[in-house]
C-alpha atoms as a PDB file:
ATOM      1  CA  MET A   1     120.591 165.553  48.000  1.00  0.00           C
ATOM      2  CA  SER A   2     119.342 162.799  50.280  1.00  0.00           C
ATOM      3  CA  VAL A   3     119.048 159.296  48.876  1.00  0.00           C
ATOM      4  CA  LYS A   4     116.291 156.937  50.008  1.00  0.00           C
ATOM      5  CA  ARG A   5     116.769 153.232  50.442  1.00  0.00           C
ATOM      6  CA  PHE A   6     114.338 151.069  48.537  1.00  0.00           C
ATOM      7  CA  LYS A   7     111.657 150.098  51.035  1.00  0.00           C
ATOM      8  CA  ILE A   8     108.239 148.460  50.737  1.00  0.00           C
ATOM      9  CA  LEU A   9     106.152 150.995  48.857  1.00  0.00           C
ATOM     10  CA  ASP A  10     102.603 149.725  48.461  1.00  0.00           C
ATOM     11  CA  ALA A  11     101.749 152.692  46.259  1.00  0.00           C
ATOM     12  CA  VAL A  12     104.027 151.318  43.555  1.00  0.00           C
ATOM     13  CA  PRO A  13     101.914 149.106  41.235  1.00  0.00           C
ATOM     14  CA  ILE A  14     104.504 146.318  41.057  1.00  0.00           C
ATOM     15  CA  SER A  15     104.083 145.756  44.796  1.00  0.00           C
ATOM     16  CA  ALA A  16     100.640 144.294  44.144  1.00  0.00           C
ATOM     17  CA  ALA A  17     102.142 141.435  42.167  1.00  0.00           C
ATOM     18  CA  ALA A  18     105.470 141.185  43.999  1.00  0.00           C
ATOM     19  CA  PRO A  19     105.127 142.484  47.575  1.00  0.00           C
ATOM     20  CA  GLY A  20     108.391 143.546  49.152  1.00  0.00           C
ATOM     21  CA  ILE A  21     110.213 143.926  45.837  1.00  0.00           C
ATOM     22  CA  LEU A  22     111.561 147.340  46.827  1.00  0.00           C
ATOM     23  CA  GLU A  23     112.769 146.347  50.277  1.00  0.00           C
ATOM     24  CA  GLU A  24     116.488 146.773  50.900  1.00  0.00           C
ATOM     25  CA  VAL A  25     117.476 146.500  47.236  1.00  0.00           C
ATOM     26  CA  GLY A  26     120.284 148.987  47.540  1.00  0.00           C
ATOM     27  CA  GLU A  27     121.458 152.526  48.032  1.00  0.00           C
ATOM     28  CA  VAL A  28     123.457 154.461  45.468  1.00  0.00           C
ATOM     29  CA  ASN A  29     124.422 158.026  44.788  1.00  0.00           C
ATOM     30  CA  ALA A  30     122.054 159.775  42.443  1.00  0.00           C
ATOM     31  CA  THR A  31     121.939 162.939  40.390  1.00  0.00           C
ATOM     32  CA  PRO A  32     118.795 165.092  40.201  1.00  0.00           C
ATOM     33  CA  LEU A  33     116.145 163.522  37.969  1.00  0.00           C
ATOM     34  CA  GLY A  34     114.735 166.856  36.900  1.00  0.00           C
ATOM     35  CA  SER A  35     113.004 169.935  38.188  1.00  0.00           C
ATOM     36  CA  GLU A  36     109.572 168.327  38.500  1.00  0.00           C
ATOM     37  CA  GLU A  37     107.958 168.266  41.906  1.00  0.00           C
ATOM     38  CA  LEU A  38     107.344 164.622  42.730  1.00  0.00           C
ATOM     39  CA  GLU A  39     105.317 163.156  45.556  1.00  0.00           C
ATOM     40  CA  GLU A  40     107.498 160.044  45.543  1.00  0.00           C
ATOM     41  CA  GLU A  41     110.999 159.636  44.173  1.00  0.00           C
ATOM     42  CA  ILE A  42     112.805 156.310  44.005  1.00  0.00           C
ATOM     43  CA  LYS A  43     116.503 156.207  43.187  1.00  0.00           C
ATOM     44  CA  GLY A  44     118.599 153.088  42.858  1.00  0.00           C
ATOM     45  CA  ASP A  45     120.516 150.670  40.725  1.00  0.00           C
ATOM     46  CA  VAL A  46     118.403 149.412  37.831  1.00  0.00           C
ATOM     47  CA  LYS A  47     120.326 146.151  37.605  1.00  0.00           C
ATOM     48  CA  LEU A  48     119.764 145.365  41.282  1.00  0.00           C
ATOM     49  CA  PHE A  49     116.103 146.239  40.970  1.00  0.00           C
ATOM     50  CA  LEU A  50     115.562 143.990  37.951  1.00  0.00           C
ATOM     51  CA  GLN A  51     117.460 141.103  39.552  1.00  0.00           C
ATOM     52  CA  ALA A  52     115.273 141.377  42.637  1.00  0.00           C
ATOM     53  CA  LEU A  53     112.145 141.621  40.470  1.00  0.00           C
ATOM     54  CA  ILE A  54     113.045 138.436  38.602  1.00  0.00           C
ATOM     55  CA  GLU A  55     113.549 136.569  41.871  1.00  0.00           C
ATOM     56  CA  ARG A  56     110.241 137.798  43.239  1.00  0.00           C
ATOM     57  CA  LEU A  57     108.332 136.734  40.137  1.00  0.00           C
ATOM     58  CA  LYS A  58     109.683 133.193  40.169  1.00  0.00           C
ATOM     59  CA  GLY A  59     107.206 130.577  41.270  1.00  0.00           C
ATOM     60  CA  PRO A  60     103.620 131.048  42.485  1.00  0.00           C
ATOM     61  CA  ASN A  61     102.656 134.278  44.196  1.00  0.00           C
ATOM     62  CA  GLU A  62     100.289 133.779  47.135  1.00  0.00           C
ATOM     63  CA  ARG A  63      98.248 136.897  46.401  1.00  0.00           C
ATOM     64  CA  VAL A  64      97.781 135.830  42.802  1.00  0.00           C
ATOM     65  CA  GLN A  65      96.912 132.258  43.806  1.00  0.00           C
ATOM     66  CA  THR A  66      94.346 133.532  46.299  1.00  0.00           C
ATOM     67  CA  GLU A  67      92.721 135.658  43.608  1.00  0.00           C
ATOM     68  CA  VAL A  68      92.713 132.726  41.164  1.00  0.00           C
ATOM     69  CA  ARG A  69      90.947 130.559  43.752  1.00  0.00           C
ATOM     70  CA  ARG A  70      88.389 133.285  44.391  1.00  0.00           C
ATOM     71  CA  LEU A  71      87.658 133.674  40.687  1.00  0.00           C
ATOM     72  CA  ARG A  72      87.304 129.929  40.219  1.00  0.00           C
ATOM     73  CA  GLU A  73      84.811 129.758  43.077  1.00  0.00           C
ATOM     74  CA  LEU A  74      82.869 132.633  41.547  1.00  0.00           C
ATOM     75  CA  ARG A  75      82.851 130.960  38.140  1.00  0.00           C
ATOM     76  CA  ASN A  76      81.511 127.745  39.663  1.00  0.00           C
ATOM     77  CA  ARG A  77      78.700 129.664  41.340  1.00  0.00           C
ATOM     78  CA  VAL A  78      77.537 131.388  38.165  1.00  0.00           C
ATOM     79  CA  LYS A  79      78.342 128.779  35.508  1.00  0.00           C
ATOM     80  CA  ASP A  80      74.712 127.643  35.245  1.00  0.00           C
ATOM     81  CA  TYR A  81      73.217 131.142  35.333  1.00  0.00           C
ATOM     82  CA  GLU A  82      71.186 132.287  32.374  1.00  0.00           C
ATOM     83  CA  GLU A  83      71.361 135.843  31.137  1.00  0.00           C
ATOM     84  CA  ILE A  84      68.400 138.153  31.596  1.00  0.00           C
ATOM     85  CA  GLY A  85      66.213 138.164  28.491  1.00  0.00           C
ATOM     86  CA  TYR A  86      67.348 134.703  27.359  1.00  0.00           C
ATOM     87  CA  ASP A  87      65.134 133.438  24.527  1.00  0.00           C
ATOM     88  CA  GLU A  88      65.313 129.770  23.549  1.00  0.00           C
ATOM     89  CA  SER A  89      63.971 130.569  20.087  1.00  0.00           C
ATOM     90  CA  LYS A  90      66.925 132.838  19.309  1.00  0.00           C
ATOM     91  CA  ILE A  91      70.708 132.815  19.527  1.00  0.00           C
ATOM     92  CA  ASN A  92      71.784 134.489  22.753  1.00  0.00           C
ATOM     93  CA  TYR A  93      75.247 135.712  23.731  1.00  0.00           C
ATOM     94  CA  SER A  94      75.915 132.654  25.889  1.00  0.00           C
ATOM     95  CA  ASP A  95      74.868 130.341  23.044  1.00  0.00           C
ATOM     96  CA  ALA A  96      77.386 131.946  20.708  1.00  0.00           C
ATOM     97  CA  VAL A  97      80.219 131.768  23.253  1.00  0.00           C
ATOM     98  CA  LYS A  98      79.514 128.127  24.130  1.00  0.00           C
ATOM     99  CA  ALA A  99      79.352 127.169  20.448  1.00  0.00           C
ATOM    100  CA  LEU A 100      82.641 128.914  19.734  1.00  0.00           C
ATOM    101  CA  ALA A 101      84.279 127.206  22.718  1.00  0.00           C
ATOM    102  CA  HIS A 102      83.107 123.886  21.319  1.00  0.00           C
ATOM    103  CA  VAL A 103      84.554 124.571  17.889  1.00  0.00           C
ATOM    104  CA  ILE A 104      88.022 126.012  18.560  1.00  0.00           C
ATOM    105  CA  ASP A 105      90.945 124.140  20.095  1.00  0.00           C
ATOM    106  CA  GLU A 106      92.972 125.167  23.136  1.00  0.00           C
ATOM    107  CA  ASP A 107      95.743 126.681  21.032  1.00  0.00           C
ATOM    108  CA  ALA A 108      93.489 129.092  19.103  1.00  0.00           C
ATOM    109  CA  VAL A 109      93.854 132.833  19.622  1.00  0.00           C
ATOM    110  CA  VAL A 110      90.593 134.699  20.202  1.00  0.00           C
ATOM    111  CA  THR A 111      90.178 138.476  20.167  1.00  0.00           C
ATOM    112  CA  CYS A 112      87.131 140.419  21.259  1.00  0.00           C
ATOM    113  CA  ASP A 113      85.836 143.934  20.876  1.00  0.00           C
ATOM    114  CA  ALA A 114      84.348 146.431  23.333  1.00  0.00           C
ATOM    115  CA  GLY A 115      80.710 146.212  24.386  1.00  0.00           C
ATOM    116  CA  TRP A 116      78.388 143.308  25.159  1.00  0.00           C
ATOM    117  CA  ASN A 117      80.491 141.093  22.913  1.00  0.00           C
ATOM    118  CA  GLN A 118      83.421 141.632  25.253  1.00  0.00           C
ATOM    119  CA  VAL A 119      81.336 140.973  28.369  1.00  0.00           C
ATOM    120  CA  ALA A 120      79.948 137.763  26.889  1.00  0.00           C
ATOM    121  CA  MET A 121      83.425 136.574  25.909  1.00  0.00           C
ATOM    122  CA  PHE A 122      84.565 136.702  29.530  1.00  0.00           C
ATOM    123  CA  SER A 123      82.844 133.313  29.799  1.00  0.00           C
ATOM    124  CA  LEU A 124      85.070 131.744  27.151  1.00  0.00           C
ATOM    125  CA  PRO A 125      87.410 129.128  28.663  1.00  0.00           C
ATOM    126  CA  VAL A 126      91.047 130.114  28.034  1.00  0.00           C
ATOM    127  CA  HIS A 127      93.579 127.329  28.433  1.00  0.00           C
ATOM    128  CA  ARG A 128      96.875 128.986  27.548  1.00  0.00           C
ATOM    129  CA  PRO A 129      98.522 132.366  28.138  1.00  0.00           C
ATOM    130  CA  ARG A 130      98.271 135.001  25.400  1.00  0.00           C
ATOM    131  CA  ARG A 131      95.366 133.272  23.710  1.00  0.00           C
ATOM    132  CA  PHE A 132      92.664 135.824  24.592  1.00  0.00           C
ATOM    133  CA  LEU A 133      93.147 139.447  23.511  1.00  0.00           C
ATOM    134  CA  SER A 134      90.738 142.047  24.875  1.00  0.00           C
ATOM    135  CA  PRO A 135      90.755 145.868  24.569  1.00  0.00           C
ATOM    136  CA  VAL A 136      91.022 146.589  28.281  1.00  0.00           C
ATOM    137  CA  GLY A 137      91.950 150.056  29.475  1.00  0.00           C
ATOM    138  CA  TYR A 138      90.605 152.432  26.843  1.00  0.00           C
ATOM    139  CA  ASN A 139      88.138 149.726  25.740  1.00  0.00           C
ATOM    140  CA  SER A 140      88.336 150.813  22.124  1.00  0.00           C
ATOM    141  CA  MET A 141      85.630 149.668  19.742  1.00  0.00           C
ATOM    142  CA  GLY A 142      86.970 148.262  16.494  1.00  0.00           C
ATOM    143  CA  TYR A 143      89.845 146.451  18.230  1.00  0.00           C
ATOM    144  CA  ALA A 144      89.006 142.818  17.457  1.00  0.00           C
ATOM    145  CA  LEU A 145      89.729 142.653  13.727  1.00  0.00           C
ATOM    146  CA  PRO A 146      93.117 144.462  13.645  1.00  0.00           C
ATOM    147  CA  ALA A 147      94.178 142.547  16.753  1.00  0.00           C
ATOM    148  CA  ALA A 148      93.324 139.281  15.030  1.00  0.00           C
ATOM    149  CA  ILE A 149      95.324 140.267  11.953  1.00  0.00           C
ATOM    150  CA  GLY A 150      98.301 141.015  14.187  1.00  0.00           C
ATOM    151  CA  ALA A 151      97.937 137.743  16.089  1.00  0.00           C
ATOM    152  CA  LYS A 152      97.740 135.725  12.875  1.00  0.00           C
ATOM    153  CA  SER A 153     100.805 137.487  11.516  1.00  0.00           C
ATOM    154  CA  ALA A 154     102.695 136.487  14.660  1.00  0.00           C
ATOM    155  CA  LEU A 155     101.317 132.914  14.729  1.00  0.00           C
ATOM    156  CA  PRO A 156     100.568 131.994  11.112  1.00  0.00           C
ATOM    157  CA  GLY A 157     100.040 128.317  11.901  1.00  0.00           C
ATOM    158  CA  THR A 158      97.429 128.981  14.602  1.00  0.00           C
ATOM    159  CA  ASP A 159      93.675 129.430  14.225  1.00  0.00           C
ATOM    160  CA  VAL A 160      92.754 133.048  15.016  1.00  0.00           C
ATOM    161  CA  VAL A 161      89.173 134.148  15.646  1.00  0.00           C
ATOM    162  CA  ALA A 162      87.987 137.736  16.048  1.00  0.00           C
ATOM    163  CA  THR A 163      84.679 138.196  17.873  1.00  0.00           C
ATOM    164  CA  THR A 164      82.936 141.547  17.646  1.00  0.00           C
ATOM    165  CA  GLY A 165      79.572 143.226  17.792  1.00  0.00           C
ATOM    166  CA  ASP A 166      78.114 144.662  14.622  1.00  0.00           C
ATOM    167  CA  ALA A 167      78.621 148.240  15.841  1.00  0.00           C
ATOM    168  CA  GLY A 168      82.268 147.587  16.672  1.00  0.00           C
ATOM    169  CA  PHE A 169      82.925 145.680  13.472  1.00  0.00           C
ATOM    170  CA  ILE A 170      81.746 148.490  11.209  1.00  0.00           C
ATOM    171  CA  MET A 171      84.487 150.726  12.636  1.00  0.00           C
ATOM    172  CA  THR A 172      87.329 148.650  11.206  1.00  0.00           C
ATOM    173  CA  ALA A 173      85.566 146.289   8.776  1.00  0.00           C
ATOM    174  CA  ALA A 174      87.604 147.664   5.874  1.00  0.00           C
ATOM    175  CA  GLU A 175      90.589 145.783   7.296  1.00  0.00           C
ATOM    176  CA  ILE A 176      89.047 142.616   5.874  1.00  0.00           C
ATOM    177  CA  SER A 177      90.556 143.835   2.597  1.00  0.00           C
ATOM    178  CA  THR A 178      93.929 144.037   4.367  1.00  0.00           C
ATOM    179  CA  ALA A 179      93.554 140.443   5.528  1.00  0.00           C
ATOM    180  CA  VAL A 180      92.691 139.346   1.985  1.00  0.00           C
ATOM    181  CA  GLU A 181      95.515 141.339   0.411  1.00  0.00           C
ATOM    182  CA  THR A 182      98.131 139.985   2.828  1.00  0.00           C
ATOM    183  CA  GLY A 183      96.814 136.424   2.927  1.00  0.00           C
ATOM    184  CA  THR A 184      96.123 136.714   6.644  1.00  0.00           C
ATOM    185  CA  ASN A 185      93.485 134.045   6.996  1.00  0.00           C
ATOM    186  CA  ILE A 186      91.330 134.651  10.040  1.00  0.00           C
ATOM    187  CA  MET A 187      87.750 134.072  11.098  1.00  0.00           C
ATOM    188  CA  VAL A 188      85.567 136.997  12.213  1.00  0.00           C
ATOM    189  CA  VAL A 189      82.411 136.223  14.192  1.00  0.00           C
ATOM    190  CA  VAL A 190      79.979 139.148  14.249  1.00  0.00           C
ATOM    191  CA  PHE A 191      77.611 139.112  17.223  1.00  0.00           C
ATOM    192  CA  ASN A 192      74.903 140.898  15.272  1.00  0.00           C
ATOM    193  CA  ASP A 193      72.234 142.255  17.613  1.00  0.00           C
ATOM    194  CA  GLY A 194      71.481 145.261  15.407  1.00  0.00           C
ATOM    195  CA  LYS A 195      72.157 147.599  18.333  1.00  0.00           C
ATOM    196  CA  GLN A 196      74.687 149.633  20.205  1.00  0.00           C
ATOM    197  CA  GLY A 197      74.073 146.937  22.776  1.00  0.00           C
ATOM    198  CA  VAL A 198      75.445 148.449  25.992  1.00  0.00           C
ATOM    199  CA  LEU A 199      73.756 151.810  25.377  1.00  0.00           C
ATOM    200  CA  TYR A 200      70.504 150.128  24.355  1.00  0.00           C
ATOM    201  CA  THR A 201      70.396 148.068  27.550  1.00  0.00           C
ATOM    202  CA  HIS A 202      71.393 150.917  29.849  1.00  0.00           C
ATOM    203  CA  GLN A 203      68.721 153.170  28.381  1.00  0.00           C
ATOM    204  CA  LYS A 204      66.086 150.480  28.877  1.00  0.00           C
ATOM    205  CA  LEU A 205      67.151 149.918  32.488  1.00  0.00           C
ATOM    206  CA  PHE A 206      67.522 153.524  33.582  1.00  0.00           C
ATOM    207  CA  TYR A 207      65.059 155.451  31.393  1.00  0.00           C
ATOM    208  CA  GLY A 208      61.813 153.545  31.668  1.00  0.00           C
ATOM    209  CA  ASN A 209      62.412 151.243  28.706  1.00  0.00           C
ATOM    210  CA  ARG A 210      62.856 154.236  26.393  1.00  0.00           C
ATOM    211  CA  THR A 211      65.730 154.091  23.896  1.00  0.00           C
ATOM    212  CA  PHE A 212      67.213 156.655  21.542  1.00  0.00           C
ATOM    213  CA  ALA A 213      69.806 156.383  18.736  1.00  0.00           C
ATOM    214  CA  THR A 214      70.905 152.867  19.689  1.00  0.00           C
ATOM    215  CA  ASP A 215      70.032 150.978  16.484  1.00  0.00           C
ATOM    216  CA  SER A 216      72.934 150.007  14.239  1.00  0.00           C
ATOM    217  CA  HIS A 217      72.709 150.582  10.516  1.00  0.00           C
ATOM    218  CA  GLU A 218      71.726 147.305   8.888  1.00  0.00           C
ATOM    219  CA  VAL A 219      74.562 145.797   6.869  1.00  0.00           C
ATOM    220  CA  ASP A 220      74.707 142.626   4.796  1.00  0.00           C
ATOM    221  CA  TRP A 221      77.941 141.286   6.273  1.00  0.00           C
ATOM    222  CA  VAL A 222      78.109 138.384   3.843  1.00  0.00           C
ATOM    223  CA  LYS A 223      78.014 140.678   0.821  1.00  0.00           C
ATOM    224  CA  LEU A 224      80.453 143.075   2.450  1.00  0.00           C
ATOM    225  CA  ALA A 225      82.933 140.255   3.042  1.00  0.00           C
ATOM    226  CA  GLU A 226      82.527 138.925  -0.464  1.00  0.00           C
ATOM    227  CA  SER A 227      82.966 142.390  -1.970  1.00  0.00           C
ATOM    228  CA  MET A 228      86.451 142.494  -0.420  1.00  0.00           C
ATOM    229  CA  GLY A 229      87.390 138.994  -1.548  1.00  0.00           C
ATOM    230  CA  ALA A 230      86.645 137.142   1.688  1.00  0.00           C
ATOM    231  CA  CYS A 231      84.158 134.393   2.405  1.00  0.00           C
ATOM    232  CA  GLY A 232      80.871 135.323   4.069  1.00  0.00           C
ATOM    233  CA  ILE A 233      78.616 132.971   6.037  1.00  0.00           C
ATOM    234  CA  LYS A 234      75.274 133.825   7.644  1.00  0.00           C
ATOM    235  CA  VAL A 235      73.977 131.693  10.498  1.00  0.00           C
ATOM    236  CA  GLU A 236      70.247 131.285   9.995  1.00  0.00           C
ATOM    237  CA  ASN A 237      69.213 129.780  13.339  1.00  0.00           C
ATOM    238  CA  ARG A 238      70.558 128.339  16.583  1.00  0.00           C
ATOM    239  CA  ASP A 239      70.284 124.754  15.343  1.00  0.00           C
ATOM    240  CA  GLY A 240      72.915 125.410  12.699  1.00  0.00           C
ATOM    241  CA  LEU A 241      75.225 127.546  14.838  1.00  0.00           C
ATOM    242  CA  VAL A 242      77.875 124.956  15.685  1.00  0.00           C
ATOM    243  CA  LYS A 243      77.904 123.482  12.188  1.00  0.00           C
ATOM    244  CA  ASP A 244      78.272 126.910  10.569  1.00  0.00           C
ATOM    245  CA  LEU A 245      81.105 127.879  12.937  1.00  0.00           C
ATOM    246  CA  GLU A 246      82.897 124.599  12.233  1.00  0.00           C
ATOM    247  CA  GLU A 247      82.601 125.233   8.492  1.00  0.00           C
ATOM    248  CA  ALA A 248      83.819 128.809   8.910  1.00  0.00           C
ATOM    249  CA  LEU A 249      86.835 127.796  11.001  1.00  0.00           C
ATOM    250  CA  LYS A 250      87.830 125.182   8.441  1.00  0.00           C
ATOM    251  CA  THR A 251      87.476 127.720   5.624  1.00  0.00           C
ATOM    252  CA  SER A 252      89.476 130.338   7.549  1.00  0.00           C
ATOM    253  CA  ARG A 253      92.588 128.186   7.218  1.00  0.00           C
ATOM    254  CA  ASN A 254      92.566 129.049   3.510  1.00  0.00           C
ATOM    255  CA  GLU A 255      90.939 132.486   3.317  1.00  0.00           C
ATOM    256  CA  PRO A 256      89.478 135.164   5.606  1.00  0.00           C
ATOM    257  CA  VAL A 257      85.906 134.461   6.708  1.00  0.00           C
ATOM    258  CA  VAL A 258      83.184 136.671   8.181  1.00  0.00           C
ATOM    259  CA  VAL A 259      80.369 134.916  10.057  1.00  0.00           C
ATOM    260  CA  ASP A 260      77.140 136.826  10.688  1.00  0.00           C
ATOM    261  CA  VAL A 261      75.508 135.497  13.872  1.00  0.00           C
ATOM    262  CA  PRO A 262      72.105 137.050  14.669  1.00  0.00           C
ATOM    263  CA  ILE A 263      71.968 137.714  18.430  1.00  0.00           C
ATOM    264  CA  ASN A 264      68.931 138.321  20.621  1.00  0.00           C
ATOM    265  CA  PRO A 265      69.235 142.068  21.394  1.00  0.00           C
ATOM    266  CA  ASP A 266      67.234 141.799  24.607  1.00  0.00           C
ATOM    267  CA  ALA A 267      69.582 139.321  26.267  1.00  0.00           C
ATOM    268  CA  ILE A 268      72.013 140.807  28.797  1.00  0.00           C
ATOM    269  CA  PRO A 269      75.213 138.745  28.835  1.00  0.00           C
ATOM    270  CA  LEU A 270      76.773 137.473  32.025  1.00  0.00           C
ATOM    271  CA  PRO A 271      78.226 138.897  34.191  1.00  0.00           C
ATOM    272  CA  ALA A 272      76.335 142.080  33.308  1.00  0.00           C
ATOM    273  CA  SER A 273      73.020 140.357  34.127  1.00  0.00           C
ATOM    274  CA  ARG A 274      74.067 140.267  37.782  1.00  0.00           C
ATOM    275  CA  PHE A 275      74.458 144.060  37.853  1.00  0.00           C
ATOM    276  CA  ALA A 276      71.192 144.557  35.985  1.00  0.00           C
ATOM    277  CA  LEU A 277      69.396 142.568  38.693  1.00  0.00           C
ATOM    278  CA  ARG A 278      70.826 144.983  41.242  1.00  0.00           C
ATOM    279  CA  GLY A 279      69.586 147.991  39.310  1.00  0.00           C
ATOM    280  CA  GLY A 280      72.943 148.744  37.765  1.00  0.00           C
ATOM    281  CA  ALA A 281      74.784 148.972  41.056  1.00  0.00           C
END
């Protein structure tokens, strides 16, 4: 059996973060890996590979730094944008994110769910690694609350905030009882727009403002929280948003808290507003 030397293989995902990692690492004898037919087969010494990987990952990577600069420039260009459908008489997605950013400290862990809540939370400033947990990949609804429980279990002395839409929250809301039972004191902020927000907006944009089966079942989140032994707080208007979140965060250091934040359902959070302006392209 022929044995390849490790060369630069751009098709290997690690090469995106550490270009050249596979170049001239080594050549060793190898036994067949199996009977599968493979398009690419890489054989070599695991120790040598890992040593080379560690060296490559030390210090700043130019590709990563270039991407960071590009993202910072983009953020500066859109930081003053307002989402489509913004209503000054209501609480909009950007209002909720800005208020939360004002209330939490840089060490807090924040989780988000899938949907418009997740898109809106992309605007949250994150100051430290591993402080923002998002369900990327499968984008599973219901992620925020269990993720927050896990984060609090790992960092019991840190404030942990789960942010979720009402449709996502209902999928795992029963885990509030788990948080109460285990003394896992977290804060859950429900972006309550009364909709399956992404589907509602897409139907409006692409089907002549007609919508079908996008309303969420109305739930009294305060009573639900209280029925499971947690604290429930309902934000009544935008003027009291920051104060209510501050109260909730303080309370969450002693018991789990659910905060019901009524959100304008016709607002399209950034950056999704940019795509909506382009007709969904």
